Amino acid sequence: MRTDLPIEGLAGFLEEPSVATLATLRRDGSVLLSPVWHEWRDGGFNVATGGGDVKARHLRRDPRASLVVSDQRPPYRGVEIRCEARLVAEGATEVAHRIAIRYLGEVEGAAYAERTGDDLVIRLEPGELRVWDFADEFGTT
């Protein structure tokens, strides 16, 4: 397994609409793992959510978070970010629309974004970043 790769090496991978897993901390210190849609933009990840969502409540109390995006097929690429997340309201509607369209297409994505009314962006910028792939093992380097 190749590790400590530059994130730029995964640019095409991060453009794919893969479901990521976001980890936030419950009040008792246990971890909540949530499947989330995301986008990699301006050197960090954006995840749209509602202000009353459990993820937002957790992050208001304790901003520590992790997000993992990984490939389900060879060469099994992935990225993990661990950081203190920020909750951003400005521009959240536009981000939510953009992310929904990324996953569902123009028409269905726009309709979905309107229905959910997400009004916050969870912004995750590199604190610790880990990038890996198994390209050597699958002869795809």
N, C-alpha and C. Protein backbone atom coordinates (compact mmCIF):
# COMPACT_ATOMS: atom_id res chain seq x y z
N MET A 1 0.85 -1.18 0.00
CA MET A 1 0.00 0.00 0.00
C MET A 1 0.89 1.23 0.00
N ARG A 2 0.56 2.15 -0.88
CA ARG A 2 1.27 3.43 -0.92
C ARG A 2 0.55 4.40 0.01
N THR A 3 1.30 5.07 0.85
CA THR A 3 0.72 6.04 1.78
C THR A 3 1.43 7.38 1.64
N ASP A 4 0.91 8.35 2.32
CA ASP A 4 1.48 9.70 2.30
C ASP A 4 1.58 10.25 0.89
N LEU A 5 0.61 9.93 0.07
CA LEU A 5 0.54 10.46 -1.29
C LEU A 5 0.01 11.88 -1.24
N PRO A 6 0.36 12.70 -2.21
CA PRO A 6 -0.23 14.04 -2.26
C PRO A 6 -1.70 13.94 -2.69
N ILE A 7 -2.53 14.76 -2.11
CA ILE A 7 -3.96 14.73 -2.43
C ILE A 7 -4.21 15.05 -3.90
N GLU A 8 -3.32 15.81 -4.51
CA GLU A 8 -3.47 16.14 -5.93
C GLU A 8 -3.47 14.89 -6.80
N GLY A 9 -2.83 13.83 -6.32
CA GLY A 9 -2.81 12.57 -7.05
C GLY A 9 -4.16 11.88 -7.10
N LEU A 10 -5.10 12.32 -6.26
CA LEU A 10 -6.44 11.73 -6.23
C LEU A 10 -7.49 12.64 -6.85
N ALA A 11 -7.07 13.65 -7.57
CA ALA A 11 -8.02 14.65 -8.08
C ALA A 11 -9.20 14.01 -8.82
N GLY A 12 -8.96 13.11 -9.74
CA GLY A 12 -10.06 12.47 -10.46
C GLY A 12 -10.94 11.66 -9.54
N PHE A 13 -10.35 10.98 -8.58
CA PHE A 13 -11.10 10.19 -7.62
C PHE A 13 -12.03 11.07 -6.79
N LEU A 14 -11.54 12.23 -6.36
CA LEU A 14 -12.36 13.11 -5.53
C LEU A 14 -13.47 13.79 -6.31
N GLU A 15 -13.41 13.74 -7.62
CA GLU A 15 -14.49 14.29 -8.44
C GLU A 15 -15.62 13.29 -8.62
N GLU A 16 -15.39 12.02 -8.29
CA GLU A 16 -16.43 11.01 -8.41
C GLU A 16 -17.45 11.18 -7.28
N PRO A 17 -18.72 10.90 -7.53
CA PRO A 17 -19.74 11.05 -6.48
C PRO A 17 -19.78 9.84 -5.54
N SER A 18 -18.70 9.63 -4.81
CA SER A 18 -18.64 8.54 -3.84
C SER A 18 -19.26 8.99 -2.52
N VAL A 19 -19.87 8.09 -1.84
CA VAL A 19 -20.40 8.40 -0.51
C VAL A 19 -19.25 8.34 0.48
N ALA A 20 -19.13 9.35 1.30
CA ALA A 20 -18.09 9.42 2.33
C ALA A 20 -18.69 9.03 3.67
N THR A 21 -17.84 8.81 4.64
CA THR A 21 -18.28 8.55 6.01
C THR A 21 -17.72 9.66 6.90
N LEU A 22 -18.63 10.35 7.58
CA LEU A 22 -18.27 11.44 8.49
C LEU A 22 -18.39 10.93 9.92
N ALA A 23 -17.36 11.17 10.71
CA ALA A 23 -17.36 10.79 12.13
C ALA A 23 -17.46 12.06 12.98
N THR A 24 -18.45 12.07 13.88
CA THR A 24 -18.60 13.14 14.86
C THR A 24 -18.70 12.47 16.23
N LEU A 25 -18.56 13.28 17.27
CA LEU A 25 -18.54 12.73 18.63
C LEU A 25 -19.84 13.02 19.37
N ARG A 26 -20.40 11.96 19.91
CA ARG A 26 -21.57 12.11 20.78
C ARG A 26 -21.13 12.68 22.12
N ARG A 27 -22.10 13.12 22.90
CA ARG A 27 -21.82 13.71 24.21
C ARG A 27 -21.04 12.74 25.11
N ASP A 28 -21.32 11.44 25.00
CA ASP A 28 -20.64 10.46 25.85
C ASP A 28 -19.26 10.07 25.31
N GLY A 29 -18.83 10.69 24.20
CA GLY A 29 -17.52 10.42 23.63
C GLY A 29 -17.50 9.33 22.58
N SER A 30 -18.62 8.62 22.42
CA SER A 30 -18.67 7.60 21.37
C SER A 30 -18.81 8.28 20.01
N VAL A 31 -18.51 7.54 18.99
CA VAL A 31 -18.46 8.08 17.63
C VAL A 31 -19.76 7.78 16.88
N LEU A 32 -20.28 8.78 16.20
CA LEU A 32 -21.39 8.60 15.26
C LEU A 32 -20.79 8.60 13.86
N LEU A 33 -21.03 7.54 13.10
CA LEU A 33 -20.58 7.46 11.71
C LEU A 33 -21.79 7.71 10.81
N SER A 34 -21.66 8.70 9.93
CA SER A 34 -22.77 9.08 9.05
C SER A 34 -22.34 9.02 7.59
N PRO A 35 -23.07 8.30 6.76
CA PRO A 35 -22.78 8.37 5.32
C PRO A 35 -23.23 9.73 4.80
N VAL A 36 -22.36 10.38 4.02
CA VAL A 36 -22.66 11.74 3.55
C VAL A 36 -22.21 11.94 2.11
N TRP A 37 -22.94 12.81 1.43
CA TRP A 37 -22.50 13.32 0.14
C TRP A 37 -21.54 14.46 0.43
N HIS A 38 -20.60 14.68 -0.45
CA HIS A 38 -19.57 15.69 -0.20
C HIS A 38 -19.06 16.25 -1.52
N GLU A 39 -18.23 17.26 -1.39
CA GLU A 39 -17.43 17.76 -2.51
C GLU A 39 -16.09 18.18 -1.97
N TRP A 40 -15.04 17.98 -2.76
CA TRP A 40 -13.70 18.49 -2.45
C TRP A 40 -13.58 19.80 -3.21
N ARG A 41 -13.38 20.88 -2.47
CA ARG A 41 -13.36 22.19 -3.11
C ARG A 41 -12.48 23.13 -2.31
N ASP A 42 -11.63 23.87 -2.99
CA ASP A 42 -10.78 24.87 -2.35
C ASP A 42 -9.98 24.29 -1.19
N GLY A 43 -9.43 23.10 -1.39
CA GLY A 43 -8.55 22.51 -0.40
C GLY A 43 -9.22 21.90 0.81
N GLY A 44 -10.50 21.60 0.71
CA GLY A 44 -11.20 20.97 1.83
C GLY A 44 -12.49 20.32 1.36
N PHE A 45 -13.16 19.65 2.28
CA PHE A 45 -14.42 18.99 1.97
C PHE A 45 -15.59 19.83 2.46
N ASN A 46 -16.66 19.84 1.67
CA ASN A 46 -17.93 20.44 2.06
C ASN A 46 -18.96 19.33 2.17
N VAL A 47 -19.75 19.38 3.23
CA VAL A 47 -20.87 18.46 3.44
C VAL A 47 -22.06 19.34 3.80
N ALA A 48 -23.16 19.22 3.05
CA ALA A 48 -24.37 20.01 3.34
C ALA A 48 -25.21 19.28 4.39
N THR A 49 -25.80 20.06 5.29
CA THR A 49 -26.66 19.48 6.32
C THR A 49 -27.64 20.54 6.81
N GLY A 50 -28.58 20.11 7.59
CA GLY A 50 -29.53 21.02 8.20
C GLY A 50 -29.04 21.49 9.57
N GLY A 51 -29.42 22.69 9.95
CA GLY A 51 -28.98 23.26 11.22
C GLY A 51 -29.38 22.44 12.43
N GLY A 52 -30.49 21.71 12.34
CA GLY A 52 -30.95 20.90 13.45
C GLY A 52 -30.48 19.45 13.40
N ASP A 53 -29.71 19.10 12.38
CA ASP A 53 -29.25 17.72 12.22
C ASP A 53 -28.31 17.33 13.36
N VAL A 54 -28.30 16.05 13.68
CA VAL A 54 -27.47 15.55 14.77
C VAL A 54 -25.99 15.84 14.52
N LYS A 55 -25.55 15.78 13.27
CA LYS A 55 -24.14 16.06 12.97
C LYS A 55 -23.80 17.50 13.36
N ALA A 56 -24.67 18.44 13.02
CA ALA A 56 -24.45 19.84 13.36
C ALA A 56 -24.47 20.04 14.87
N ARG A 57 -25.39 19.38 15.55
CA ARG A 57 -25.44 19.50 17.02
C ARG A 57 -24.15 18.98 17.65
N HIS A 58 -23.68 17.85 17.17
CA HIS A 58 -22.41 17.32 17.69
C HIS A 58 -21.27 18.30 17.47
N LEU A 59 -21.18 18.85 16.27
CA LEU A 59 -20.05 19.72 15.94
C LEU A 59 -20.11 21.06 16.65
N ARG A 60 -21.30 21.52 16.99
CA ARG A 60 -21.40 22.75 17.80
C ARG A 60 -20.80 22.54 19.18
N ARG A 61 -21.00 21.36 19.71
CA ARG A 61 -20.50 21.03 21.04
C ARG A 61 -19.01 20.68 21.02
N ASP A 62 -18.60 19.91 19.99
CA ASP A 62 -17.22 19.45 19.87
C ASP A 62 -16.89 19.40 18.38
N PRO A 63 -16.06 20.32 17.89
CA PRO A 63 -15.83 20.42 16.45
C PRO A 63 -14.92 19.34 15.86
N ARG A 64 -14.39 18.45 16.67
CA ARG A 64 -13.52 17.41 16.12
C ARG A 64 -14.31 16.47 15.23
N ALA A 65 -13.75 16.22 14.04
CA ALA A 65 -14.43 15.37 13.07
C ALA A 65 -13.41 14.67 12.18
N SER A 66 -13.85 13.59 11.58
CA SER A 66 -13.06 12.88 10.56
C SER A 66 -13.99 12.55 9.41
N LEU A 67 -13.41 12.49 8.23
CA LEU A 67 -14.17 12.10 7.05
C LEU A 67 -13.28 11.18 6.23
N VAL A 68 -13.87 10.09 5.75
CA VAL A 68 -13.14 9.14 4.90
C VAL A 68 -13.91 8.97 3.60
N VAL A 69 -13.18 9.06 2.50
CA VAL A 69 -13.71 8.74 1.18
C VAL A 69 -12.80 7.63 0.67
N SER A 70 -13.39 6.51 0.29
CA SER A 70 -12.57 5.41 -0.20
C SER A 70 -13.23 4.72 -1.38
N ASP A 71 -12.39 4.16 -2.21
CA ASP A 71 -12.82 3.47 -3.42
C ASP A 71 -13.25 2.05 -3.07
N GLN A 72 -14.26 1.56 -3.74
CA GLN A 72 -14.75 0.20 -3.50
C GLN A 72 -14.25 -0.78 -4.55
N ARG A 73 -13.32 -0.33 -5.38
CA ARG A 73 -12.76 -1.20 -6.41
C ARG A 73 -11.28 -0.86 -6.57
N PRO A 74 -10.48 -1.78 -7.11
CA PRO A 74 -9.04 -1.52 -7.28
C PRO A 74 -8.81 -0.24 -8.07
N PRO A 75 -7.85 0.54 -7.67
CA PRO A 75 -6.77 0.25 -6.74
C PRO A 75 -7.05 0.64 -5.28
N TYR A 76 -8.31 0.71 -4.91
CA TYR A 76 -8.71 1.00 -3.52
C TYR A 76 -8.02 2.24 -2.98
N ARG A 77 -8.33 3.35 -3.62
CA ARG A 77 -7.77 4.64 -3.20
C ARG A 77 -8.60 5.21 -2.06
N GLY A 78 -8.01 6.13 -1.34
CA GLY A 78 -8.78 6.78 -0.30
C GLY A 78 -8.09 7.96 0.31
N VAL A 79 -8.89 8.73 1.03
CA VAL A 79 -8.38 9.88 1.76
C VAL A 79 -9.14 9.98 3.08
N GLU A 80 -8.42 10.31 4.12
CA GLU A 80 -9.01 10.56 5.44
C GLU A 80 -8.54 11.93 5.89
N ILE A 81 -9.48 12.70 6.41
CA ILE A 81 -9.15 14.00 6.97
C ILE A 81 -9.61 14.01 8.43
N ARG A 82 -8.74 14.50 9.30
CA ARG A 82 -9.08 14.70 10.71
C ARG A 82 -8.82 16.16 11.03
N CYS A 83 -9.83 16.82 11.59
CA CYS A 83 -9.71 18.25 11.78
C CYS A 83 -10.77 18.75 12.77
N GLU A 84 -10.76 20.04 12.97
CA GLU A 84 -11.86 20.71 13.66
C GLU A 84 -12.74 21.31 12.57
N ALA A 85 -13.93 20.79 12.45
CA ALA A 85 -14.85 21.24 11.40
C ALA A 85 -15.45 22.59 11.76
N ARG A 86 -15.82 23.33 10.73
CA ARG A 86 -16.54 24.59 10.92
C ARG A 86 -17.92 24.44 10.33
N LEU A 87 -18.89 25.08 10.96
CA LEU A 87 -20.25 25.14 10.42
C LEU A 87 -20.42 26.50 9.77
N VAL A 88 -20.76 26.49 8.48
CA VAL A 88 -20.83 27.72 7.69
C VAL A 88 -22.24 27.86 7.12
N ALA A 89 -22.89 28.97 7.43
CA ALA A 89 -24.23 29.22 6.91
C ALA A 89 -24.19 29.96 5.58
N GLU A 90 -23.22 30.85 5.42
CA GLU A 90 -23.13 31.65 4.19
C GLU A 90 -22.90 30.75 2.98
N GLY A 91 -23.76 30.88 1.99
CA GLY A 91 -23.64 30.12 0.76
C GLY A 91 -24.07 28.67 0.87
N ALA A 92 -24.66 28.28 1.99
CA ALA A 92 -25.00 26.87 2.22
C ALA A 92 -26.02 26.34 1.21
N THR A 93 -26.98 27.15 0.83
CA THR A 93 -28.00 26.70 -0.13
C THR A 93 -27.36 26.37 -1.47
N GLU A 94 -26.43 27.21 -1.91
CA GLU A 94 -25.75 26.96 -3.19
C GLU A 94 -24.91 25.69 -3.11
N VAL A 95 -24.21 25.50 -2.00
CA VAL A 95 -23.39 24.30 -1.84
C VAL A 95 -24.28 23.06 -1.83
N ALA A 96 -25.40 23.12 -1.11
CA ALA A 96 -26.32 21.98 -1.04
C ALA A 96 -26.84 21.63 -2.43
N HIS A 97 -27.19 22.64 -3.22
CA HIS A 97 -27.66 22.40 -4.60
C HIS A 97 -26.56 21.75 -5.44
N ARG A 98 -25.37 22.30 -5.35
CA ARG A 98 -24.25 21.80 -6.15
C ARG A 98 -23.95 20.33 -5.81
N ILE A 99 -23.95 20.01 -4.51
CA ILE A 99 -23.66 18.64 -4.09
C ILE A 99 -24.78 17.70 -4.53
N ALA A 100 -26.03 18.10 -4.36
CA ALA A 100 -27.15 17.24 -4.76
C ALA A 100 -27.12 16.97 -6.26
N ILE A 101 -26.81 17.98 -7.04
CA ILE A 101 -26.72 17.81 -8.49
C ILE A 101 -25.56 16.89 -8.85
N ARG A 102 -24.48 16.98 -8.12
CA ARG A 102 -23.32 16.10 -8.33
C ARG A 102 -23.71 14.63 -8.20
N TYR A 103 -24.59 14.32 -7.25
CA TYR A 103 -24.98 12.93 -7.00
C TYR A 103 -26.20 12.47 -7.79
N LEU A 104 -27.13 13.37 -8.06
CA LEU A 104 -28.40 12.96 -8.66
C LEU A 104 -28.65 13.51 -10.06
N GLY A 105 -27.79 14.38 -10.53
CA GLY A 105 -28.03 15.00 -11.82
C GLY A 105 -28.80 16.31 -11.65
N GLU A 106 -28.87 17.06 -12.73
CA GLU A 106 -29.41 18.42 -12.69
C GLU A 106 -30.85 18.49 -12.15
N VAL A 107 -31.77 17.77 -12.75
CA VAL A 107 -33.19 17.90 -12.40
C VAL A 107 -33.47 17.29 -11.03
N GLU A 108 -33.11 16.04 -10.85
CA GLU A 108 -33.39 15.38 -9.57
C GLU A 108 -32.60 16.00 -8.42
N GLY A 109 -31.37 16.43 -8.69
CA GLY A 109 -30.56 17.05 -7.66
C GLY A 109 -31.15 18.36 -7.17
N ALA A 110 -31.60 19.20 -8.12
CA ALA A 110 -32.21 20.48 -7.74
C ALA A 110 -33.48 20.25 -6.93
N ALA A 111 -34.29 19.29 -7.34
CA ALA A 111 -35.52 18.98 -6.61
C ALA A 111 -35.21 18.47 -5.20
N TYR A 112 -34.22 17.60 -5.10
CA TYR A 112 -33.83 17.07 -3.79
C TYR A 112 -33.35 18.18 -2.87
N ALA A 113 -32.50 19.06 -3.39
CA ALA A 113 -31.97 20.15 -2.58
C ALA A 113 -33.09 21.06 -2.07
N GLU A 114 -34.08 21.30 -2.91
CA GLU A 114 -35.22 22.12 -2.49
C GLU A 114 -36.00 21.44 -1.37
N ARG A 115 -36.20 20.13 -1.49
CA ARG A 115 -36.95 19.38 -0.47
C ARG A 115 -36.25 19.35 0.88
N THR A 116 -34.94 19.15 0.87
CA THR A 116 -34.23 18.98 2.14
C THR A 116 -34.01 20.30 2.87
N GLY A 117 -33.81 21.37 2.13
CA GLY A 117 -33.62 22.67 2.76
C GLY A 117 -32.37 22.76 3.63
N ASP A 118 -31.31 22.05 3.25
CA ASP A 118 -30.07 22.13 4.04
C ASP A 118 -29.60 23.58 4.11
N ASP A 119 -29.27 24.03 5.31
CA ASP A 119 -28.91 25.43 5.51
C ASP A 119 -27.55 25.63 6.16
N LEU A 120 -26.77 24.57 6.24
CA LEU A 120 -25.42 24.65 6.79
C LEU A 120 -24.47 23.82 5.95
N VAL A 121 -23.22 24.24 5.95
CA VAL A 121 -22.15 23.46 5.35
C VAL A 121 -21.20 23.07 6.46
N ILE A 122 -20.90 21.79 6.53
CA ILE A 122 -19.82 21.32 7.40
C ILE A 122 -18.56 21.44 6.56
N ARG A 123 -17.66 22.29 6.97
CA ARG A 123 -16.42 22.54 6.24
C ARG A 123 -15.28 21.85 6.97
N LEU A 124 -14.62 20.94 6.26
CA LEU A 124 -13.50 20.19 6.82
C LEU A 124 -12.25 20.52 6.02
N GLU A 125 -11.33 21.21 6.66
CA GLU A 125 -10.08 21.57 6.00
C GLU A 125 -8.96 20.83 6.69
N PRO A 126 -7.96 20.45 5.91
CA PRO A 126 -6.91 19.59 6.47
C PRO A 126 -6.32 20.10 7.76
N GLY A 127 -6.46 19.26 8.75
CA GLY A 127 -5.67 19.30 9.96
C GLY A 127 -4.65 18.21 9.70
N GLU A 128 -5.13 16.97 9.79
CA GLU A 128 -4.32 15.82 9.40
C GLU A 128 -4.99 15.19 8.18
N LEU A 129 -4.19 14.91 7.19
CA LEU A 129 -4.69 14.34 5.95
C LEU A 129 -3.88 13.08 5.65
N ARG A 130 -4.56 12.00 5.34
CA ARG A 130 -3.92 10.73 4.99
C ARG A 130 -4.49 10.27 3.66
N VAL A 131 -3.60 10.01 2.71
CA VAL A 131 -4.01 9.59 1.37
C VAL A 131 -3.30 8.27 1.07
N TRP A 132 -4.04 7.33 0.46
CA TRP A 132 -3.45 6.02 0.18
C TRP A 132 -4.04 5.42 -1.08
N ASP A 133 -3.34 4.42 -1.59
CA ASP A 133 -3.88 3.55 -2.63
C ASP A 133 -3.11 2.23 -2.62
N PHE A 134 -3.67 1.26 -3.29
CA PHE A 134 -3.06 -0.05 -3.43
C PHE A 134 -2.62 -0.28 -4.88
N ALA A 135 -2.24 0.80 -5.57
CA ALA A 135 -1.89 0.70 -6.98
C ALA A 135 -0.74 -0.26 -7.22
N ASP A 136 0.24 -0.29 -6.34
CA ASP A 136 1.38 -1.21 -6.52
C ASP A 136 0.90 -2.67 -6.51
N GLU A 137 -0.02 -2.98 -5.63
CA GLU A 137 -0.52 -4.34 -5.52
C GLU A 137 -1.33 -4.77 -6.73
N PHE A 138 -1.94 -3.80 -7.42
CA PHE A 138 -2.78 -4.12 -8.57
C PHE A 138 -2.12 -3.74 -9.89
N GLY A 139 -0.86 -3.32 -9.84
CA GLY A 139 -0.13 -3.00 -11.06
C GLY A 139 -0.72 -1.86 -11.85
N THR A 140 -1.25 -0.85 -11.14
CA THR A 140 -1.88 0.27 -11.85
C THR A 140 -1.11 1.57 -11.67
N THR A 141 0.15 1.50 -11.26
CA THR A 141 0.92 2.74 -11.07
C THR A 141 1.46 3.24 -12.37
